[in-house]
């Protein structure tokens, strides 16, 4: 015989020619030569050396073990002294009942909703993450939840967790912030057959996500077409001159024309504007010629007006000088002074007749 000592926090299983015989707890024992022993630490999980059902027939061993059974549609979260240590898949697991405090949380992963009392921190743990799928809806977004292709509910902003399984989950999102659509390079004919290229923009935001995503396909493209058609409708009913005169009326008309269609798309239109209207080369040249002619005409009018005013002033001055000899003399002196400013020197030659004439000009007669 041989002696066996089982220490504290240990358990020994005795086998005879491979068949389980009994369990030994702390103490000293004598064994026959044909008996073999396996010693286990009760602070660690128990791995059965033979079929577990055989061992559990021993009531003493069954009482010392804690059995955890996990079905194909379940997982079990194992906490040791309050800390998550492992996740159990389908199977049967045994743990020694000892000073180590085990806690088991069983979760049904055949559904998508996480109804078990599991914290968000645990769901984000690397041990649990492979069994969980998460979706984030930003603060400026709204989302629609589809399960196996069926619409379930509308989701507000936040982080959502569901079990990962064969059930298909799809989330349709829409940005609820104000957005801008560019409507550029629109080739449009006016009422008088002038071909224009129009560049415009539109501002909008999603107001009803269910209309936008459930009742309409590609609501953004449909909204673009609505703006495009409204713009063509407006420009097509006006001549080029009328259009250029009433450019400021385009935006209100387009917004009003598109509003009803936008409501059906679940969209709220907040603004529309024309960036530029590009004329064909020949029309642009004609418009430039018209502009030049108009400016020339305005210039001629101004020149004629100034000439008329100048002539009227001269006429008034002449009438005053005609009635007042002294005024005539002063005017004469003014012109002589202007002439003298431009002459450096004067050489006078001749008889006394010239001197007498100058005296008559510059010396007032008594």
Protein backbone atom coordinates (compact mmCIF):
# COMPACT_ATOMS: atom_id res chain seq x y z
CA UNK A 1 0.00 0.00 0.00
CA UNK A 2 1.04 3.60 -0.42
CA UNK A 3 0.20 6.71 1.54
CA UNK A 4 -1.59 9.75 0.05
CA UNK A 5 -1.89 13.20 1.65
CA UNK A 6 -4.63 15.58 0.46
CA UNK A 7 -3.84 19.14 1.45
CA UNK A 8 -6.19 21.98 2.26
CA UNK A 9 -8.19 23.30 -0.75
CA UNK A 10 -7.55 20.05 -2.59
CA UNK A 11 -9.76 17.11 -3.62
CA UNK A 12 -8.57 13.72 -4.85
CA UNK A 13 -10.46 11.37 -7.15
CA UNK A 14 -9.57 7.68 -6.86
CA UNK A 15 -9.78 5.37 -9.89
CA UNK A 16 -9.41 1.60 -10.10
CA UNK A 17 -8.21 0.44 -13.50
CA UNK A 18 -9.77 3.61 -15.02
CA UNK A 19 -13.11 3.31 -13.22
CA UNK A 20 -14.09 6.01 -10.75
CA UNK A 21 -14.24 4.82 -7.14
CA UNK A 22 -14.56 7.68 -4.66
CA UNK A 23 -13.63 11.27 -3.73
CA UNK A 24 -11.12 12.12 -1.01
CA UNK A 25 -11.05 15.43 0.84
CA UNK A 26 -8.36 16.95 3.00
CA UNK A 27 -6.49 14.30 5.03
CA UNK A 28 -4.11 11.29 4.87
CA UNK A 29 -5.11 8.03 3.13
CA UNK A 30 -3.73 4.60 2.27
CA UNK A 31 -4.26 3.32 -1.28
CA UNK A 32 -3.91 -0.10 -2.87
CA UNK A 33 -1.32 -0.44 -5.62
CA UNK A 34 -3.94 -0.89 -8.30
CA UNK A 35 -5.62 2.42 -7.40
CA UNK A 36 -4.66 5.66 -9.18
CA UNK A 37 -5.35 9.18 -7.96
CA UNK A 38 -5.94 12.60 -9.50
CA UNK A 39 -5.60 15.61 -7.23
CA UNK A 40 -7.49 18.86 -8.00
CA UNK A 41 -7.19 22.41 -6.70
CA UNK A 42 -10.69 23.47 -5.61
CA UNK A 43 -9.89 27.12 -6.28
CA UNK A 44 -9.81 26.37 -10.02
CA UNK A 45 -12.46 25.07 -12.46
CA UNK A 46 -12.87 21.30 -12.61
CA UNK A 47 -12.16 19.41 -15.84
CA UNK A 48 -13.69 15.95 -15.77
CA UNK A 49 -11.18 13.18 -16.60
CA UNK A 50 -14.02 10.83 -17.66
CA UNK A 51 -17.63 11.16 -18.67
CA UNK A 52 -19.18 13.74 -16.34
CA UNK A 53 -22.40 11.75 -15.87
CA UNK A 54 -20.38 8.90 -14.35
CA UNK A 55 -18.76 11.22 -11.82
CA UNK A 56 -22.06 12.89 -10.91
CA UNK A 57 -23.47 9.53 -9.81
CA UNK A 58 -21.35 10.01 -6.70
CA UNK A 59 -23.59 12.17 -4.50
CA UNK A 60 -20.62 13.48 -2.50
CA UNK A 61 -18.82 14.63 -5.66
CA UNK A 62 -22.02 16.05 -7.14
CA UNK A 63 -22.58 18.03 -3.96
CA UNK A 64 -19.01 19.41 -4.12
CA UNK A 65 -19.42 20.58 -7.72
CA UNK A 66 -21.46 23.37 -9.26
CA UNK A 67 -22.81 22.31 -12.66
CA UNK A 68 -23.46 24.91 -15.40
CA UNK A 69 -25.30 23.75 -18.52
CA UNK A 70 -25.30 26.01 -21.60
CA UNK A 71 -27.62 25.30 -24.55
CA UNK A 72 -26.87 26.03 -28.21
CA UNK A 73 -28.72 29.37 -28.05
CA UNK A 74 -27.12 30.59 -24.84
CA UNK A 75 -23.91 31.93 -23.40
CA UNK A 76 -22.93 32.21 -19.76
CA UNK A 77 -20.83 35.01 -18.31
CA UNK A 78 -18.61 33.77 -15.49
CA UNK A 79 -17.67 36.22 -12.74
CA UNK A 80 -14.99 35.31 -10.20
CA UNK A 81 -15.08 37.47 -7.11
CA UNK A 82 -17.07 40.05 -9.04
CA UNK A 83 -14.77 40.13 -12.09
CA UNK A 84 -15.67 38.78 -15.54
CA UNK A 85 -13.19 36.00 -16.34
CA UNK A 86 -14.71 33.99 -19.20
CA UNK A 87 -17.71 33.39 -21.43
CA UNK A 88 -19.05 29.86 -21.76
CA UNK A 89 -20.47 28.55 -25.03
CA UNK A 90 -22.77 25.55 -25.48
CA UNK A 91 -21.73 22.64 -23.23
CA UNK A 92 -21.55 21.43 -19.62
CA UNK A 93 -19.12 22.99 -17.16
CA UNK A 94 -18.29 22.21 -13.54
CA UNK A 95 -16.75 24.38 -10.82
CA UNK A 96 -15.71 23.43 -7.30
CA UNK A 97 -17.76 24.91 -4.48
CA UNK A 98 -15.05 26.58 -2.44
CA UNK A 99 -13.89 29.89 -1.04
CA UNK A 100 -13.83 31.27 -4.60
CA UNK A 101 -17.11 33.07 -5.23
CA UNK A 102 -18.52 32.26 -8.67
CA UNK A 103 -21.40 34.12 -10.27
CA UNK A 104 -23.03 33.02 -13.50
CA UNK A 105 -25.17 35.20 -15.80
CA UNK A 106 -26.99 33.27 -18.49
CA UNK A 107 -28.03 35.10 -21.68
CA UNK A 108 -30.33 33.95 -24.47
CA UNK A 109 -28.61 35.00 -27.70
CA UNK A 110 -31.30 33.56 -29.99
CA UNK A 111 -33.10 36.93 -29.79
CA UNK A 112 -31.64 40.33 -30.62
CA UNK A 113 -32.77 42.35 -27.59
CA UNK A 114 -30.43 42.23 -24.59
CA UNK A 115 -32.92 41.87 -21.75
CA UNK A 116 -30.45 40.45 -19.24
CA UNK A 117 -28.97 42.65 -16.53
CA UNK A 118 -25.64 43.24 -18.25
CA UNK A 119 -23.90 46.60 -18.09
CA UNK A 120 -22.66 48.52 -21.14
CA UNK A 121 -19.09 48.15 -19.89
CA UNK A 122 -19.50 44.38 -19.87
CA UNK A 123 -20.97 44.37 -23.38
CA UNK A 124 -17.91 46.31 -24.58
CA UNK A 125 -15.55 43.85 -22.85
CA UNK A 126 -13.31 41.95 -25.27
CA UNK A 127 -14.67 38.63 -23.96
CA UNK A 128 -18.30 39.55 -24.71
CA UNK A 129 -17.78 41.76 -27.79
CA UNK A 130 -17.72 38.81 -30.27
CA UNK A 131 -21.32 38.01 -29.27
CA UNK A 132 -22.62 41.59 -29.51
CA UNK A 133 -23.27 43.99 -32.39
CA UNK A 134 -23.54 47.70 -31.74
CA UNK A 135 -24.81 50.65 -33.77
CA UNK A 136 -24.38 54.36 -33.11
CA UNK A 137 -26.88 57.08 -34.05
CA UNK A 138 -25.22 60.50 -33.85
CA UNK A 139 -26.91 63.49 -32.21
CA UNK A 140 -27.65 65.02 -35.64
CA UNK A 141 -29.13 61.78 -37.03
CA UNK A 142 -32.33 59.79 -36.90
CA UNK A 143 -32.52 56.11 -37.79
CA UNK A 144 -35.01 53.38 -38.70
CA UNK A 145 -34.54 49.83 -37.40
CA UNK A 146 -35.28 46.90 -39.74
CA UNK A 147 -35.24 43.33 -38.43
CA UNK A 148 -35.22 40.58 -41.07
CA UNK A 149 -36.32 43.20 -43.60
CA UNK A 150 -39.29 44.41 -41.55
CA UNK A 151 -39.52 47.95 -40.20
CA UNK A 152 -39.67 47.86 -36.39
CA UNK A 153 -39.18 51.35 -34.95
CA UNK A 154 -37.54 54.76 -35.21
CA UNK A 155 -34.36 55.27 -33.20
CA UNK A 156 -33.19 58.49 -31.62
CA UNK A 157 -29.53 59.41 -31.11
CA UNK A 158 -27.54 57.03 -28.92
CA UNK A 159 -25.62 53.73 -28.88
CA UNK A 160 -27.58 50.50 -29.34
CA UNK A 161 -26.50 46.92 -28.55
CA UNK A 162 -28.04 43.66 -29.82
CA UNK A 163 -27.01 40.03 -29.63
CA UNK A 164 -25.16 38.77 -32.69
CA UNK A 165 -26.98 35.85 -34.29
CA UNK A 166 -28.61 34.75 -37.56
CA UNK A 167 -31.26 37.50 -37.33
CA UNK A 168 -30.53 40.26 -39.84
CA UNK A 169 -30.48 43.83 -38.55
CA UNK A 170 -30.33 46.88 -40.79
CA UNK A 171 -30.33 50.50 -39.72
CA UNK A 172 -31.34 53.24 -42.17
CA UNK A 173 -29.97 56.64 -41.20
CA UNK A 174 -30.73 60.22 -42.26
CA UNK A 175 -28.79 63.38 -41.46
CA UNK A 176 -31.22 65.93 -39.97
CA UNK A 177 -28.86 68.90 -40.31
CA UNK A 178 -29.41 71.55 -42.99
CA UNK A 179 -27.93 70.37 -46.26
CA UNK A 180 -27.22 72.01 -49.59
CA UNK A 181 -27.88 70.66 -53.08
CA UNK A 182 -25.92 72.06 -56.02
CA UNK A 183 -28.01 72.55 -59.16
CA UNK A 184 -25.37 73.51 -61.69
CA UNK A 185 -25.08 73.64 -65.48
CA UNK A 186 -28.81 73.76 -66.25
CA UNK A 187 -29.29 74.40 -69.99
CA UNK A 188 -32.66 76.19 -70.28
CA UNK A 189 -34.46 78.02 -73.12
CA UNK A 190 -36.31 81.23 -72.36
CA UNK A 191 -39.64 82.15 -73.93
CA UNK A 192 -37.83 84.00 -76.73
CA UNK A 193 -35.58 80.97 -77.38
CA UNK A 194 -32.45 82.33 -75.67
CA UNK A 195 -30.31 79.44 -74.42
CA UNK A 196 -29.09 80.06 -70.88
CA UNK A 197 -26.89 78.13 -68.48
CA UNK A 198 -28.04 78.53 -64.88
CA UNK A 199 -26.13 77.63 -61.72
CA UNK A 200 -28.20 77.48 -58.53
CA UNK A 201 -28.27 75.95 -55.06
CA UNK A 202 -30.99 74.76 -52.67
CA UNK A 203 -30.99 74.34 -48.87
CA UNK A 204 -33.10 71.70 -47.15
CA UNK A 205 -33.23 69.28 -44.22
CA UNK A 206 -34.98 66.00 -43.47
CA UNK A 207 -38.11 66.60 -41.40
CA UNK A 208 -39.82 63.17 -41.55
CA UNK A 209 -37.41 60.24 -41.76
CA UNK A 210 -40.17 57.67 -42.28
CA UNK A 211 -41.39 59.47 -45.42
CA UNK A 212 -37.85 60.02 -46.64
CA UNK A 213 -36.64 56.42 -46.24
CA UNK A 214 -39.76 54.23 -46.13
CA UNK A 215 -42.06 55.87 -48.65
CA UNK A 216 -39.45 57.18 -51.11
CA UNK A 217 -36.38 55.82 -52.79
CA UNK A 218 -33.43 58.20 -53.23
CA UNK A 219 -35.31 61.19 -51.85
CA UNK A 220 -32.31 63.43 -52.51
CA UNK A 221 -32.37 62.68 -56.25
CA UNK A 222 -36.12 63.21 -56.37
CA UNK A 223 -35.74 66.56 -54.63
CA UNK A 224 -33.05 67.56 -57.14
CA UNK A 225 -35.43 66.78 -60.02
CA UNK A 226 -38.18 68.86 -58.37
CA UNK A 227 -35.89 71.90 -58.19
CA UNK A 228 -34.72 71.32 -61.75
CA UNK A 229 -38.25 71.15 -63.18
CA UNK A 230 -39.45 74.17 -61.20
CA UNK A 231 -36.49 76.21 -62.46
CA UNK A 232 -37.20 75.22 -66.06
CA UNK A 233 -40.88 76.01 -65.64
CA UNK A 234 -40.15 79.52 -64.37
CA UNK A 235 -37.49 80.46 -66.92
CA UNK A 236 -39.39 78.91 -69.84
CA UNK A 237 -42.33 81.31 -69.37
CA UNK A 238 -40.24 84.51 -69.46
CA UNK A 239 -38.24 86.34 -72.11
CA UNK A 240 -34.59 87.08 -71.55
CA UNK A 241 -35.24 90.74 -70.75
CA UNK A 242 -38.03 89.86 -68.31
CA UNK A 243 -35.81 87.29 -66.62
CA UNK A 244 -32.95 89.74 -66.15
CA UNK A 245 -35.34 92.36 -64.76
CA UNK A 246 -37.03 89.95 -62.31
CA UNK A 247 -34.15 87.82 -61.08
CA UNK A 248 -35.09 88.49 -57.46
CA UNK A 249 -38.47 86.77 -57.96
CA UNK A 250 -36.95 83.41 -58.96
CA UNK A 251 -36.14 82.14 -55.44
CA UNK A 252 -39.62 82.72 -53.90
CA UNK A 253 -41.29 81.07 -56.89
CA UNK A 254 -39.04 78.00 -56.79
CA UNK A 255 -39.44 77.51 -53.02
CA UNK A 256 -43.23 77.77 -53.28
CA UNK A 257 -43.36 75.43 -56.28
CA UNK A 258 -41.21 72.75 -54.63
CA UNK A 259 -42.66 72.87 -51.10
CA UNK A 260 -45.58 70.46 -51.67
CA UNK A 261 -43.40 67.85 -53.39
CA UNK A 262 -40.74 68.25 -50.71
CA UNK A 263 -43.31 67.58 -47.97
CA UNK A 264 -44.21 64.29 -49.67
CA UNK A 265 -40.52 63.39 -49.59
CA UNK A 266 -40.28 64.18 -45.89
CA UNK A 267 -38.04 67.18 -46.59
CA UNK A 268 -38.33 70.82 -45.51
CA UNK A 269 -36.99 73.38 -48.01
CA UNK A 270 -35.39 76.37 -46.31
CA UNK A 271 -33.88 78.33 -49.21
CA UNK A 272 -33.00 78.62 -52.88
CA UNK A 273 -30.66 80.91 -54.76
CA UNK A 274 -29.25 81.65 -58.21
CA UNK A 275 -25.48 81.87 -58.34
CA UNK A 276 -25.20 83.06 -61.92
CA UNK A 277 -26.95 83.16 -65.29
CA UNK A 278 -24.54 82.52 -68.16
CA UNK A 279 -25.51 83.90 -71.57
CA UNK A 280 -24.36 82.40 -74.90
CA UNK A 281 -21.37 84.11 -76.52
CA UNK A 282 -23.33 85.88 -79.29
CA UNK A 283 -26.05 87.05 -76.90
CA UNK A 284 -23.42 88.26 -74.45
CA UNK A 285 -21.73 90.26 -77.23
CA UNK A 286 -25.06 91.83 -78.23
CA UNK A 287 -25.80 92.69 -74.60
CA UNK A 288 -22.38 94.31 -74.27
CA UNK A 289 -23.03 96.38 -77.41
CA UNK A 290 -26.41 97.45 -76.06
CA UNK A 291 -24.79 98.42 -72.78
CA UNK A 292 -22.08 100.42 -74.56
CA UNK A 293 -24.70 102.20 -76.70
CA UNK A 294 -26.75 103.02 -73.61
CA UNK A 295 -23.70 104.44 -71.84
CA UNK A 296 -22.75 106.48 -74.89
CA UNK A 297 -26.28 107.86 -75.11
CA UNK A 298 -26.19 108.77 -71.45
CA UNK A 299 -22.80 110.43 -71.97
CA UNK A 300 -24.12 112.46 -74.91
CA UNK A 301 -27.13 113.56 -72.91
CA UNK A 302 -24.89 114.75 -70.09
CA UNK A 303 -22.59 116.60 -72.53
CA UNK A 304 -25.56 118.32 -74.22
CA UNK A 305 -26.94 119.27 -70.84
CA UNK A 306 -23.62 120.80 -69.81
CA UNK A 307 -23.24 122.64 -73.14
CA UNK A 308 -26.76 124.06 -72.81
CA UNK A 309 -26.04 125.23 -69.29
CA UNK A 310 -22.75 126.78 -70.40
CA UNK A 311 -24.40 128.58 -73.32
CA UNK A 312 -27.19 129.86 -71.09
CA UNK A 313 -24.57 131.18 -68.66
CA UNK A 314 -22.71 132.96 -71.47
CA UNK A 315 -25.95 134.48 -72.72
CA UNK A 316 -26.77 135.83 -69.27
CA UNK A 317 -23.26 137.25 -68.92
CA UNK A 318 -23.49 138.95 -72.34
CA UNK A 319 -26.80 140.57 -71.40
CA UNK A 320 -25.30 141.91 -68.16
CA UNK A 321 -22.24 143.31 -69.92
CA UNK A 322 -24.43 144.91 -72.54
CA UNK A 323 -26.28 146.84 -69.86
CA UNK A 324 -23.17 147.64 -67.74
CA UNK A 325 -20.02 149.10 -69.40
CA UNK A 326 -17.96 148.69 -66.23
CA UNK A 327 -18.77 144.94 -66.13
CA UNK A 328 -17.71 144.65 -69.76
CA UNK A 329 -14.44 146.40 -68.92
CA UNK A 330 -13.79 144.03 -65.97
CA UNK A 331 -14.43 141.01 -68.14
CA UNK A 332 -12.05 142.43 -70.70
CA UNK A 333 -9.40 142.87 -67.99
CA UNK A 334 -9.95 139.28 -66.84
CA UNK A 335 -9.16 137.88 -70.25
CA UNK A 336 -6.14 140.20 -70.62
CA UNK A 337 -4.88 138.86 -67.27
CA UNK A 338 -5.28 135.26 -68.44
CA UNK A 339 -3.36 136.08 -71.61
CA UNK A 340 -0.62 137.84 -69.62
CA UNK A 341 -0.14 134.75 -67.40
CA UNK A 342 1.00 132.79 -70.43
CA UNK A 343 3.38 135.53 -71.81
CA UNK A 344 6.90 135.93 -70.42
CA UNK A 345 7.75 139.24 -72.16
CA UNK A 346 6.17 141.77 -74.53
CA UNK A 347 8.17 143.82 -77.04
CA UNK A 348 6.37 146.87 -78.36
CA UNK A 349 7.58 148.72 -81.47
CA UNK A 350 5.84 151.30 -83.50
CA UNK A 351 4.59 154.87 -83.31
CA UNK A 352 2.56 156.40 -80.54
CA UNK A 353 -0.70 155.04 -81.91
CA UNK A 354 -0.09 151.59 -80.29
CA UNK A 355 0.71 153.22 -76.91
CA UNK A 356 -2.48 155.19 -77.08
CA UNK A 357 -4.49 152.03 -77.79
CA UNK A 358 -2.99 150.23 -74.75
CA UNK A 359 -3.80 153.23 -72.58
CA UNK A 360 -7.36 153.04 -73.78
CA UNK A 361 -7.52 149.36 -72.73
CA UNK A 362 -5.82 149.53 -69.31
CA UNK A 363 -6.46 153.12 -68.18
CA UNK A 364 -10.06 153.93 -67.35
CA UNK A 365 -11.41 157.05 -69.09
CA UNK A 366 -12.36 159.96 -66.86
